[in-house]
Amino acid sequence: MYSAKVISLQLKEVERKNSPCLSTGPVGEDLYHWEAIITGPKGSPYENGVFKVDIHFPLDYPFAPPRVLTEIHQMFTAPQIGEGHFFVEEIARIYVEDRAAFETTALAWTVEHAGGA
């Protein structure tokens, strides 16, 4: 199956890059189901947080996208909060108007939900 070949090649590429803040790969023997673990960047309110992402590849991948939360690491370091970007309006407002309050809240949620401290 073409999709399995593409996914296998991408797995090799991920393993070759060996990112310090991202670990990803198949869950068990299922090449079409991956788990990614993203660690929060140092110096951010997400530091020491461990964020899990569940990824499901369709059988017609790469012609159809996987089901996945994308660009989560970028959201930690440079969130896009303008028109055309998904966001919760109140969180975006606090991010723009009161960065200290935003970071305090982000840190509290990271500690509560992602094991950060």
PDB file of N, CA and C in Angstrom:
ATOM      1  N   MET A   1       0.853  -1.181   0.000  1.00  0.00           N
ATOM      2  CA  MET A   1       0.000   0.000   0.000  1.00  0.00           C
ATOM      3  C   MET A   1       0.900   1.247   0.000  1.00  0.00           C
ATOM      4  N   TYR A   2       0.589   2.181  -0.882  1.00  0.00           N
ATOM      5  CA  TYR A   2       1.400   3.390  -1.036  1.00  0.00           C
ATOM      6  C   TYR A   2       1.479   4.190   0.262  1.00  0.00           C
ATOM      7  N   SER A   3       0.355   4.316   0.962  1.00  0.00           N
ATOM      8  CA  SER A   3       0.351   5.119   2.191  1.00  0.00           C
ATOM      9  C   SER A   3       1.316   4.554   3.228  1.00  0.00           C
ATOM     10  N   ALA A   4       1.392   3.250   3.351  1.00  0.00           N
ATOM     11  CA  ALA A   4       2.307   2.639   4.324  1.00  0.00           C
ATOM     12  C   ALA A   4       3.761   2.963   3.980  1.00  0.00           C
ATOM     13  N   LYS A   5       4.082   2.968   2.690  1.00  0.00           N
ATOM     14  CA  LYS A   5       5.444   3.294   2.266  1.00  0.00           C
ATOM     15  C   LYS A   5       5.785   4.742   2.617  1.00  0.00           C
ATOM     16  N   VAL A   6       4.854   5.661   2.341  1.00  0.00           N
ATOM     17  CA  VAL A   6       5.077   7.081   2.646  1.00  0.00           C
ATOM     18  C   VAL A   6       5.236   7.284   4.149  1.00  0.00           C
ATOM     19  N   ILE A   7       4.371   6.675   4.932  1.00  0.00           N
ATOM     20  CA  ILE A   7       4.433   6.818   6.392  1.00  0.00           C
ATOM     21  C   ILE A   7       5.752   6.250   6.918  1.00  0.00           C
ATOM     22  N   SER A   8       6.180   5.116   6.394  1.00  0.00           N
ATOM     23  CA  SER A   8       7.459   4.520   6.819  1.00  0.00           C
ATOM     24  C   SER A   8       8.632   5.443   6.518  1.00  0.00           C
ATOM     25  N   LEU A   9       8.619   6.064   5.340  1.00  0.00           N
ATOM     26  CA  LEU A   9       9.684   7.011   4.987  1.00  0.00           C
ATOM     27  C   LEU A   9       9.668   8.223   5.914  1.00  0.00           C
ATOM     28  N   GLN A  10       8.478   8.700   6.244  1.00  0.00           N
ATOM     29  CA  GLN A  10       8.382   9.852   7.141  1.00  0.00           C
ATOM     30  C   GLN A  10       8.824   9.488   8.550  1.00  0.00           C
ATOM     31  N   LEU A  11       8.540   8.284   8.993  1.00  0.00           N
ATOM     32  CA  LEU A  11       9.008   7.835  10.301  1.00  0.00           C
ATOM     33  C   LEU A  11      10.540   7.829  10.340  1.00  0.00           C
ATOM     34  N   LYS A  12      11.172   7.347   9.288  1.00  0.00           N
ATOM     35  CA  LYS A  12      12.638   7.351   9.231  1.00  0.00           C
ATOM     36  C   LYS A  12      13.182   8.775   9.289  1.00  0.00           C
ATOM     37  N   GLU A  13      12.517   9.703   8.623  1.00  0.00           N
ATOM     38  CA  GLU A  13      12.948  11.105   8.635  1.00  0.00           C
ATOM     39  C   GLU A  13      12.819  11.702  10.039  1.00  0.00           C
ATOM     40  N   VAL A  14      11.723  11.416  10.721  1.00  0.00           N
ATOM     41  CA  VAL A  14      11.532  11.906  12.095  1.00  0.00           C
ATOM     42  C   VAL A  14      12.623  11.343  12.998  1.00  0.00           C
ATOM     43  N   GLU A  15      12.907  10.067  12.866  1.00  0.00           N
ATOM     44  CA  GLU A  15      13.951   9.439  13.681  1.00  0.00           C
ATOM     45  C   GLU A  15      15.322  10.038  13.382  1.00  0.00           C
ATOM     46  N   ARG A  16      15.581  10.364  12.122  1.00  0.00           N
ATOM     47  CA  ARG A  16      16.864  10.953  11.734  1.00  0.00           C
ATOM     48  C   ARG A  16      17.041  12.343  12.335  1.00  0.00           C
ATOM     49  N   LYS A  17      15.974  13.134  12.365  1.00  0.00           N
ATOM     50  CA  LYS A  17      16.067  14.504  12.877  1.00  0.00           C
ATOM     51  C   LYS A  17      16.248  14.539  14.389  1.00  0.00           C
ATOM     52  N   ASN A  18      15.654  13.599  15.115  1.00  0.00           N
ATOM     53  CA  ASN A  18      15.852  13.468  16.554  1.00  0.00           C
ATOM     54  C   ASN A  18      15.701  14.791  17.309  1.00  0.00           C
ATOM     55  N   SER A  19      14.521  15.371  17.281  1.00  0.00           N
ATOM     56  CA  SER A  19      14.241  16.644  17.947  1.00  0.00           C
ATOM     57  C   SER A  19      14.217  16.485  19.467  1.00  0.00           C
ATOM     58  N   PRO A  20      14.835  17.416  20.210  1.00  0.00           N
ATOM     59  CA  PRO A  20      14.824  17.327  21.671  1.00  0.00           C
ATOM     60  C   PRO A  20      13.456  17.620  22.285  1.00  0.00           C
ATOM     61  N   CYS A  21      12.569  18.273  21.549  1.00  0.00           N
ATOM     62  CA  CYS A  21      11.268  18.622  22.127  1.00  0.00           C
ATOM     63  C   CYS A  21      10.122  17.834  21.507  1.00  0.00           C
ATOM     64  N   LEU A  22      10.419  16.883  20.615  1.00  0.00           N
ATOM     65  CA  LEU A  22       9.369  16.099  19.973  1.00  0.00           C
ATOM     66  C   LEU A  22       9.781  14.645  19.885  1.00  0.00           C
ATOM     67  N   SER A  23       8.888  13.797  20.341  1.00  0.00           N
ATOM     68  CA  SER A  23       9.056  12.358  20.190  1.00  0.00           C
ATOM     69  C   SER A  23       7.779  11.850  19.540  1.00  0.00           C
ATOM     70  N   THR A  24       7.904  11.100  18.469  1.00  0.00           N
ATOM     71  CA  THR A  24       6.707  10.604  17.799  1.00  0.00           C
ATOM     72  C   THR A  24       6.976   9.287  17.111  1.00  0.00           C
ATOM     73  N   GLY A  25       5.918   8.537  16.934  1.00  0.00           N
ATOM     74  CA  GLY A  25       6.026   7.273  16.228  1.00  0.00           C
ATOM     75  C   GLY A  25       4.768   6.464  16.396  1.00  0.00           C
ATOM     76  N   PRO A  26       4.739   5.298  15.767  1.00  0.00           N
ATOM     77  CA  PRO A  26       3.553   4.449  15.815  1.00  0.00           C
ATOM     78  C   PRO A  26       3.233   3.968  17.228  1.00  0.00           C
ATOM     79  N   VAL A  27       1.950   3.786  17.459  1.00  0.00           N
ATOM     80  CA  VAL A  27       1.472   3.184  18.701  1.00  0.00           C
ATOM     81  C   VAL A  27       1.460   1.674  18.464  1.00  0.00           C
ATOM     82  N   GLY A  28       2.312   0.971  19.160  1.00  0.00           N
ATOM     83  CA  GLY A  28       2.422  -0.473  18.950  1.00  0.00           C
ATOM     84  C   GLY A  28       2.863  -0.784  17.532  1.00  0.00           C
ATOM     85  N   GLU A  29       2.175  -1.700  16.888  1.00  0.00           N
ATOM     86  CA  GLU A  29       2.509  -2.129  15.530  1.00  0.00           C
ATOM     87  C   GLU A  29       1.676  -1.415  14.465  1.00  0.00           C
ATOM     88  N   ASP A  30       0.788  -0.512  14.872  1.00  0.00           N
ATOM     89  CA  ASP A  30      -0.126   0.156  13.937  1.00  0.00           C
ATOM     90  C   ASP A  30       0.546   1.361  13.297  1.00  0.00           C
ATOM     91  N   LEU A  31       1.000   1.211  12.067  1.00  0.00           N
ATOM     92  CA  LEU A  31       1.687   2.281  11.356  1.00  0.00           C
ATOM     93  C   LEU A  31       0.775   3.481  11.105  1.00  0.00           C
ATOM     94  N   TYR A  32      -0.536   3.267  11.139  1.00  0.00           N
ATOM     95  CA  TYR A  32      -1.499   4.336  10.848  1.00  0.00           C
ATOM     96  C   TYR A  32      -1.960   5.091  12.096  1.00  0.00           C
ATOM     97  N   HIS A  33      -1.477   4.701  13.245  1.00  0.00           N
ATOM     98  CA  HIS A  33      -1.823   5.388  14.501  1.00  0.00           C
ATOM     99  C   HIS A  33      -0.527   5.736  15.223  1.00  0.00           C
ATOM    100  N   TRP A  34      -0.277   7.030  15.356  1.00  0.00           N
ATOM    101  CA  TRP A  34       0.931   7.512  16.030  1.00  0.00           C
ATOM    102  C   TRP A  34       0.551   8.316  17.258  1.00  0.00           C
ATOM    103  N   GLU A  35       1.516   8.437  18.144  1.00  0.00           N
ATOM    104  CA  GLU A  35       1.408   9.367  19.263  1.00  0.00           C
ATOM    105  C   GLU A  35       2.628  10.273  19.209  1.00  0.00           C
ATOM    106  N   ALA A  36       2.392  11.556  19.389  1.00  0.00           N
ATOM    107  CA  ALA A  36       3.492  12.518  19.480  1.00  0.00           C
ATOM    108  C   ALA A  36       3.507  13.067  20.894  1.00  0.00           C
ATOM    109  N   ILE A  37       4.688  13.242  21.426  1.00  0.00           N
ATOM    110  CA  ILE A  37       4.853  13.854  22.740  1.00  0.00           C
ATOM    111  C   ILE A  37       5.720  15.086  22.544  1.00  0.00           C
ATOM    112  N   ILE A  38       5.166  16.226  22.891  1.00  0.00           N
ATOM    113  CA  ILE A  38       5.849  17.506  22.722  1.00  0.00           C
ATOM    114  C   ILE A  38       6.144  18.062  24.103  1.00  0.00           C
ATOM    115  N   THR A  39       7.383  18.450  24.337  1.00  0.00           N
ATOM    116  CA  THR A  39       7.735  19.063  25.613  1.00  0.00           C
ATOM    117  C   THR A  39       7.765  20.576  25.441  1.00  0.00           C
ATOM    118  N   GLY A  40       7.274  21.271  26.447  1.00  0.00           N
ATOM    119  CA  GLY A  40       7.230  22.730  26.388  1.00  0.00           C
ATOM    120  C   GLY A  40       8.617  23.328  26.311  1.00  0.00           C
ATOM    121  N   PRO A  41       8.772  24.385  25.515  1.00  0.00           N
ATOM    122  CA  PRO A  41      10.083  25.010  25.346  1.00  0.00           C
ATOM    123  C   PRO A  41      10.594  25.684  26.620  1.00  0.00           C
ATOM    124  N   LYS A  42      11.884  25.611  26.834  1.00  0.00           N
ATOM    125  CA  LYS A  42      12.505  26.276  27.991  1.00  0.00           C
ATOM    126  C   LYS A  42      12.244  27.774  27.931  1.00  0.00           C
ATOM    127  N   GLY A  43      12.059  28.365  29.102  1.00  0.00           N
ATOM    128  CA  GLY A  43      11.842  29.801  29.185  1.00  0.00           C
ATOM    129  C   GLY A  43      10.429  30.237  28.848  1.00  0.00           C
ATOM    130  N   SER A  44       9.541  29.280  28.644  1.00  0.00           N
ATOM    131  CA  SER A  44       8.145  29.615  28.350  1.00  0.00           C
ATOM    132  C   SER A  44       7.276  29.126  29.508  1.00  0.00           C
ATOM    133  N   PRO A  45       6.018  29.583  29.587  1.00  0.00           N
ATOM    134  CA  PRO A  45       5.147  29.080  30.649  1.00  0.00           C
ATOM    135  C   PRO A  45       4.818  27.596  30.467  1.00  0.00           C
ATOM    136  N   TYR A  46       5.181  27.024  29.336  1.00  0.00           N
ATOM    137  CA  TYR A  46       4.910  25.617  29.053  1.00  0.00           C
ATOM    138  C   TYR A  46       6.102  24.721  29.387  1.00  0.00           C
ATOM    139  N   GLU A  47       7.191  25.317  29.895  1.00  0.00           N
ATOM    140  CA  GLU A  47       8.403  24.569  30.215  1.00  0.00           C
ATOM    141  C   GLU A  47       8.077  23.410  31.151  1.00  0.00           C
ATOM    142  N   ASN A  48       8.664  22.262  30.871  1.00  0.00           N
ATOM    143  CA  ASN A  48       8.474  21.016  31.623  1.00  0.00           C
ATOM    144  C   ASN A  48       7.113  20.373  31.403  1.00  0.00           C
ATOM    145  N   GLY A  49       6.244  21.004  30.627  1.00  0.00           N
ATOM    146  CA  GLY A  49       4.967  20.377  30.299  1.00  0.00           C
ATOM    147  C   GLY A  49       5.182  19.286  29.262  1.00  0.00           C
ATOM    148  N   VAL A  50       4.371  18.263  29.346  1.00  0.00           N
ATOM    149  CA  VAL A  50       4.407  17.168  28.385  1.00  0.00           C
ATOM    150  C   VAL A  50       3.029  17.107  27.735  1.00  0.00           C
ATOM    151  N   PHE A  51       2.994  17.359  26.435  1.00  0.00           N
ATOM    152  CA  PHE A  51       1.741  17.459  25.697  1.00  0.00           C
ATOM    153  C   PHE A  51       1.661  16.306  24.707  1.00  0.00           C
ATOM    154  N   LYS A  52       0.606  15.515  24.800  1.00  0.00           N
ATOM    155  CA  LYS A  52       0.443  14.353  23.930  1.00  0.00           C
ATOM    156  C   LYS A  52      -0.522  14.684  22.801  1.00  0.00           C
ATOM    157  N   VAL A  53      -0.179  14.206  21.619  1.00  0.00           N
ATOM    158  CA  VAL A  53      -1.005  14.402  20.435  1.00  0.00           C
ATOM    159  C   VAL A  53      -1.250  13.033  19.810  1.00  0.00           C
ATOM    160  N   ASP A  54      -2.494  12.735  19.542  1.00  0.00           N
ATOM    161  CA  ASP A  54      -2.876  11.479  18.914  1.00  0.00           C
ATOM    162  C   ASP A  54      -3.025  11.723  17.414  1.00  0.00           C
ATOM    163  N   ILE A  55      -2.382  10.908  16.597  1.00  0.00           N
ATOM    164  CA  ILE A  55      -2.371  11.106  15.148  1.00  0.00           C
ATOM    165  C   ILE A  55      -2.900   9.843  14.470  1.00  0.00           C
ATOM    166  N   HIS A  56      -3.899  10.021  13.603  1.00  0.00           N
ATOM    167  CA  HIS A  56      -4.458   8.903  12.840  1.00  0.00           C
ATOM    168  C   HIS A  56      -4.319   9.201  11.355  1.00  0.00           C
ATOM    169  N   PHE A  57      -3.586   8.341  10.647  1.00  0.00           N
ATOM    170  CA  PHE A  57      -3.395   8.486   9.204  1.00  0.00           C
ATOM    171  C   PHE A  57      -4.486   7.703   8.474  1.00  0.00           C
ATOM    172  N   PRO A  58      -5.142   8.315   7.483  1.00  0.00           N
ATOM    173  CA  PRO A  58      -6.135   7.577   6.700  1.00  0.00           C
ATOM    174  C   PRO A  58      -5.443   6.634   5.706  1.00  0.00           C
ATOM    175  N   LEU A  59      -6.163   5.650   5.214  1.00  0.00           N
ATOM    176  CA  LEU A  59      -5.579   4.701   4.272  1.00  0.00           C
ATOM    177  C   LEU A  59      -5.161   5.360   2.964  1.00  0.00           C
ATOM    178  N   ASP A  60      -5.777   6.505   2.623  1.00  0.00           N
ATOM    179  CA  ASP A  60      -5.405   7.196   1.385  1.00  0.00           C
ATOM    180  C   ASP A  60      -4.398   8.325   1.628  1.00  0.00           C
ATOM    181  N   TYR A  61      -3.706   8.292   2.769  1.00  0.00           N
ATOM    182  CA  TYR A  61      -2.621   9.234   3.035  1.00  0.00           C
ATOM    183  C   TYR A  61      -1.529   8.998   2.000  1.00  0.00           C
ATOM    184  N   PRO A  62      -0.871   9.970   1.458  1.00  0.00           N
ATOM    185  CA  PRO A  62      -0.830  11.393   1.773  1.00  0.00           C
ATOM    186  C   PRO A  62      -1.830  12.248   0.992  1.00  0.00           C
ATOM    187  N   PHE A  63      -2.759  11.601   0.303  1.00  0.00           N
ATOM    188  CA  PHE A  63      -3.741  12.355  -0.477  1.00  0.00           C
ATOM    189  C   PHE A  63      -4.858  12.902   0.395  1.00  0.00           C
ATOM    190  N   ALA A  64      -4.988  12.389   1.594  1.00  0.00           N
ATOM    191  CA  ALA A  64      -5.912  12.909   2.602  1.00  0.00           C
ATOM    192  C   ALA A  64      -5.090  13.142   3.866  1.00  0.00           C
ATOM    193  N   PRO A  65      -5.388  14.213   4.603  1.00  0.00           N
ATOM    194  CA  PRO A  65      -4.564  14.555   5.770  1.00  0.00           C
ATOM    195  C   PRO A  65      -4.845  13.660   6.974  1.00  0.00           C
ATOM    196  N   PRO A  66      -3.853  13.532   7.848  1.00  0.00           N
ATOM    197  CA  PRO A  66      -4.101  12.816   9.104  1.00  0.00           C
ATOM    198  C   PRO A  66      -4.977  13.662  10.019  1.00  0.00           C
ATOM    199  N   ARG A  67      -5.625  13.005  10.962  1.00  0.00           N
ATOM    200  CA  ARG A  67      -6.353  13.732  12.005  1.00  0.00           C
ATOM    201  C   ARG A  67      -5.347  14.021  13.108  1.00  0.00           C
ATOM    202  N   VAL A  68      -5.079  15.308  13.319  1.00  0.00           N
ATOM    203  CA  VAL A  68      -4.026  15.672  14.267  1.00  0.00           C
ATOM    204  C   VAL A  68      -4.154  17.142  14.645  1.00  0.00           C
ATOM    205  N   LEU A  69      -3.708  17.471  15.856  1.00  0.00           N
ATOM    206  CA  LEU A  69      -3.564  18.868  16.258  1.00  0.00           C
ATOM    207  C   LEU A  69      -2.225  19.327  15.710  1.00  0.00           C
ATOM    208  N   THR A  70      -2.235  20.360  14.863  1.00  0.00           N
ATOM    209  CA  THR A  70      -1.000  20.775  14.196  1.00  0.00           C
ATOM    210  C   THR A  70      -0.399  22.024  14.812  1.00  0.00           C
ATOM    211  N   GLU A  71       0.887  22.176  14.602  1.00  0.00           N
ATOM    212  CA  GLU A  71       1.657  23.358  14.972  1.00  0.00           C
ATOM    213  C   GLU A  71       1.528  23.731  16.452  1.00  0.00           C
ATOM    214  N   ILE A  72       1.381  22.747  17.318  1.00  0.00           N
ATOM    215  CA  ILE A  72       1.219  23.048  18.738  1.00  0.00           C
ATOM    216  C   ILE A  72       2.477  23.692  19.313  1.00  0.00           C
ATOM    217  N   HIS A  73       3.651  23.262  18.883  1.00  0.00           N
ATOM    218  CA  HIS A  73       4.883  23.848  19.416  1.00  0.00           C
ATOM    219  C   HIS A  73       4.982  25.317  19.041  1.00  0.00           C
ATOM    220  N   GLN A  74       4.609  25.662  17.806  1.00  0.00           N
ATOM    221  CA  GLN A  74       4.632  27.067  17.393  1.00  0.00           C
ATOM    222  C   GLN A  74       3.621  27.881  18.202  1.00  0.00           C
ATOM    223  N   MET A  75       2.490  27.279  18.561  1.00  0.00           N
ATOM    224  CA  MET A  75       1.505  28.002  19.365  1.00  0.00           C
ATOM    225  C   MET A  75       2.091  28.378  20.720  1.00  0.00           C
ATOM    226  N   PHE A  76       3.042  27.590  21.223  1.00  0.00           N
ATOM    227  CA  PHE A  76       3.659  27.905  22.504  1.00  0.00           C
ATOM    228  C   PHE A  76       4.586  29.111  22.402  1.00  0.00           C
ATOM    229  N   THR A  77       5.311  29.216  21.302  1.00  0.00           N
ATOM    230  CA  THR A  77       6.359  30.228  21.209  1.00  0.00           C
ATOM    231  C   THR A  77       5.967  31.467  20.423  1.00  0.00           C
ATOM    232  N   ALA A  78       5.074  31.341  19.456  1.00  0.00           N
ATOM    233  CA  ALA A  78       4.680  32.486  18.621  1.00  0.00           C
ATOM    234  C   ALA A  78       3.236  32.312  18.163  1.00  0.00           C
ATOM    235  N   PRO A  79       2.289  32.414  19.077  1.00  0.00           N
ATOM    236  CA  PRO A  79       0.901  32.180  18.690  1.00  0.00           C
ATOM    237  C   PRO A  79       0.413  33.200  17.665  1.00  0.00           C
ATOM    238  N   GLN A  80      -0.365  32.720  16.704  1.00  0.00           N
ATOM    239  CA  GLN A  80      -0.980  33.579  15.695  1.00  0.00           C
ATOM    240  C   GLN A  80      -2.390  33.892  16.181  1.00  0.00           C
ATOM    241  N   ILE A  81      -2.676  35.145  16.410  1.00  0.00           N
ATOM    242  CA  ILE A  81      -3.972  35.479  17.004  1.00  0.00           C
ATOM    243  C   ILE A  81      -4.756  36.472  16.167  1.00  0.00           C
ATOM    244  N   GLY A  82      -4.496  36.528  14.890  1.00  0.00           N
ATOM    245  CA  GLY A  82      -5.220  37.451  14.033  1.00  0.00           C
ATOM    246  C   GLY A  82      -6.359  36.778  13.301  1.00  0.00           C
ATOM    247  N   GLU A  83      -6.997  37.548  12.440  1.00  0.00           N
ATOM    248  CA  GLU A  83      -8.092  37.036  11.638  1.00  0.00           C
ATOM    249  C   GLU A  83      -7.605  35.856  10.803  1.00  0.00           C
ATOM    250  N   GLY A  84      -8.420  34.830  10.713  1.00  0.00           N
ATOM    251  CA  GLY A  84      -8.048  33.656   9.934  1.00  0.00           C
ATOM    252  C   GLY A  84      -7.336  32.588  10.735  1.00  0.00           C
ATOM    253  N   HIS A  85      -7.039  32.859  11.991  1.00  0.00           N
ATOM    254  CA  HIS A  85      -6.394  31.876  12.852  1.00  0.00           C
ATOM    255  C   HIS A  85      -7.391  31.446  13.918  1.00  0.00           C
ATOM    256  N   PHE A  86      -7.356  30.150  14.250  1.00  0.00           N
ATOM    257  CA  PHE A  86      -8.251  29.656  15.279  1.00  0.00           C
ATOM    258  C   PHE A  86      -7.764  30.133  16.642  1.00  0.00           C
ATOM    259  N   PHE A  87      -8.645  30.698  17.416  1.00  0.00           N
ATOM    260  CA  PHE A  87      -8.290  31.095  18.772  1.00  0.00           C
ATOM    261  C   PHE A  87      -9.558  31.311  19.583  1.00  0.00           C
ATOM    262  N   VAL A  88      -9.406  31.308  20.873  1.00  0.00           N
ATOM    263  CA  VAL A  88     -10.489  31.677  21.772  1.00  0.00           C
ATOM    264  C   VAL A  88     -10.316  33.162  22.024  1.00  0.00           C
ATOM    265  N   GLU A  89     -11.321  33.928  21.697  1.00  0.00           N
ATOM    266  CA  GLU A  89     -11.205  35.386  21.710  1.00  0.00           C
ATOM    267  C   GLU A  89     -10.707  35.936  23.045  1.00  0.00           C
ATOM    268  N   GLU A  90     -11.209  35.437  24.148  1.00  0.00           N
ATOM    269  CA  GLU A  90     -10.806  35.953  25.457  1.00  0.00           C
ATOM    270  C   GLU A  90      -9.322  35.684  25.727  1.00  0.00           C
ATOM    271  N   ILE A  91      -8.854  34.499  25.358  1.00  0.00           N
ATOM    272  CA  ILE A  91      -7.440  34.177  25.551  1.00  0.00           C
ATOM    273  C   ILE A  91      -6.571  35.075  24.679  1.00  0.00           C
ATOM    274  N   ALA A  92      -6.989  35.288  23.444  1.00  0.00           N
ATOM    275  CA  ALA A  92      -6.234  36.168  22.540  1.00  0.00           C
ATOM    276  C   ALA A  92      -6.186  37.593  23.087  1.00  0.00           C
ATOM    277  N   ARG A  93      -7.289  38.060  23.646  1.00  0.00           N
ATOM    278  CA  ARG A  93      -7.331  39.413  24.205  1.00  0.00           C
ATOM    279  C   ARG A  93      -6.344  39.536  25.356  1.00  0.00           C
ATOM    280  N   ILE A  94      -6.336  38.570  26.261  1.00  0.00           N
ATOM    281  CA  ILE A  94      -5.412  38.607  27.402  1.00  0.00           C
ATOM    282  C   ILE A  94      -3.967  38.535  26.912  1.00  0.00           C
ATOM    283  N   TYR A  95      -3.701  37.701  25.916  1.00  0.00           N
ATOM    284  CA  TYR A  95      -2.348  37.585  25.363  1.00  0.00           C
ATOM    285  C   TYR A  95      -1.852  38.938  24.868  1.00  0.00           C
ATOM    286  N   VAL A  96      -2.714  39.676  24.190  1.00  0.00           N
ATOM    287  CA  VAL A  96      -2.334  40.973  23.620  1.00  0.00           C
ATOM    288  C   VAL A  96      -2.279  42.063  24.687  1.00  0.00           C
ATOM    289  N   GLU A  97      -3.268  42.091  25.585  1.00  0.00           N
ATOM    290  CA  GLU A  97      -3.407  43.205  26.526  1.00  0.00           C
ATOM    291  C   GLU A  97      -2.661  43.017  27.841  1.00  0.00           C
ATOM    292  N   ASP A  98      -2.451  41.790  28.274  1.00  0.00           N
ATOM    293  CA  ASP A  98      -1.828  41.551  29.583  1.00  0.00           C
ATOM    294  C   ASP A  98      -0.997  40.271  29.521  1.00  0.00           C
ATOM    295  N   ARG A  99       0.180  40.372  28.923  1.00  0.00           N
ATOM    296  CA  ARG A  99       1.021  39.197  28.700  1.00  0.00           C
ATOM    297  C   ARG A  99       1.355  38.488  30.006  1.00  0.00           C
ATOM    298  N   ALA A 100       1.570  39.227  31.091  1.00  0.00           N
ATOM    299  CA  ALA A 100       1.904  38.598  32.378  1.00  0.00           C
ATOM    300  C   ALA A 100       0.756  37.711  32.857  1.00  0.00           C
ATOM    301  N   ALA A 101      -0.470  38.195  32.749  1.00  0.00           N
ATOM    302  CA  ALA A 101      -1.633  37.389  33.148  1.00  0.00           C
ATOM    303  C   ALA A 101      -1.756  36.154  32.257  1.00  0.00           C
ATOM    304  N   PHE A 102      -1.514  36.337  30.966  1.00  0.00           N
ATOM    305  CA  PHE A 102      -1.564  35.206  30.040  1.00  0.00           C
ATOM    306  C   PHE A 102      -0.557  34.137  30.452  1.00  0.00           C
ATOM    307  N   GLU A 103       0.689  34.545  30.717  1.00  0.00           N
ATOM    308  CA  GLU A 103       1.735  33.583  31.062  1.00  0.00           C
ATOM    309  C   GLU A 103       1.476  32.908  32.403  1.00  0.00           C
ATOM    310  N   THR A 104       0.914  33.651  33.359  1.00  0.00           N
ATOM    311  CA  THR A 104       0.559  33.060  34.653  1.00  0.00           C
ATOM    312  C   THR A 104      -0.500  31.982  34.468  1.00  0.00           C
ATOM    313  N   THR A 105      -1.511  32.283  33.677  1.00  0.00           N
ATOM    314  CA  THR A 105      -2.575  31.315  33.412  1.00  0.00           C
ATOM    315  C   THR A 105      -2.039  30.121  32.630  1.00  0.00           C
ATOM    316  N   ALA A 106      -1.213  30.384  31.619  1.00  0.00           N
ATOM    317  CA  ALA A 106      -0.639  29.294  30.822  1.00  0.00           C
ATOM    318  C   ALA A 106       0.203  28.368  31.696  1.00  0.00           C
ATOM    319  N   LEU A 107       0.982  28.943  32.596  1.00  0.00           N
ATOM    320  CA  LEU A 107       1.795  28.140  33.505  1.00  0.00           C
ATOM    321  C   LEU A 107       0.908  27.289  34.413  1.00  0.00           C
ATOM    322  N   ALA A 108      -0.143  27.888  34.971  1.00  0.00           N
ATOM    323  CA  ALA A 108      -1.046  27.147  35.859  1.00  0.00           C
ATOM    324  C   ALA A 108      -1.702  25.976  35.119  1.00  0.00           C
ATOM    325  N   TRP A 109      -2.151  26.212  33.901  1.00  0.00           N
ATOM    326  CA  TRP A 109      -2.779  25.144  33.119  1.00  0.00           C
ATOM    327  C   TRP A 109      -1.753  24.084  32.727  1.00  0.00           C
ATOM    328  N   THR A 110      -0.528  24.492  32.448  1.00  0.00           N
ATOM    329  CA  THR A 110       0.520  23.525  32.116  1.00  0.00           C
ATOM    330  C   THR A 110       0.796  22.628  33.315  1.00  0.00           C
ATOM    331  N   VAL A 111       0.895  23.215  34.501  1.00  0.00           N
ATOM    332  CA  VAL A 111       1.126  22.429  35.718  1.00  0.00           C
ATOM    333  C   VAL A 111      -0.040  21.469  35.949  1.00  0.00           C
ATOM    334  N   GLU A 112      -1.267  21.979  35.799  1.00  0.00           N
ATOM    335  CA  GLU A 112      -2.452  21.165  36.079  1.00  0.00           C
ATOM    336  C   GLU A 112      -2.669  20.053  35.051  1.00  0.00           C
ATOM    337  N   HIS A 113      -2.455  20.352  33.780  1.00  0.00           N
ATOM    338  CA  HIS A 113      -2.845  19.410  32.729  1.00  0.00           C
ATOM    339  C   HIS A 113      -1.691  18.725  32.010  1.00  0.00           C
ATOM    340  N   ALA A 114      -0.468  19.225  32.160  1.00  0.00           N
ATOM    341  CA  ALA A 114       0.646  18.654  31.394  1.00  0.00           C
ATOM    342  C   ALA A 114       1.867  18.364  32.254  1.00  0.00           C
ATOM    343  N   GLY A 115       1.706  18.394  33.565  1.00  0.00           N
ATOM    344  CA  GLY A 115       2.801  18.020  34.451  1.00  0.00           C
ATOM    345  C   GLY A 115       3.943  19.008  34.547  1.00  0.00           C
ATOM    346  N   GLY A 116       3.760  20.218  34.068  1.00  0.00           N
ATOM    347  CA  GLY A 116       4.830  21.217  34.151  1.00  0.00           C
ATOM    348  C   GLY A 116       4.986  21.750  35.557  1.00  0.00           C
ATOM    349  N   ALA A 117       6.093  22.422  35.795  1.00  0.00           N
ATOM    350  CA  ALA A 117       6.310  23.053  37.105  1.00  0.00           C
ATOM    351  C   ALA A 117       7.526  23.935  37.051  1.00  0.00           C
TER     352      ALA A 117
END
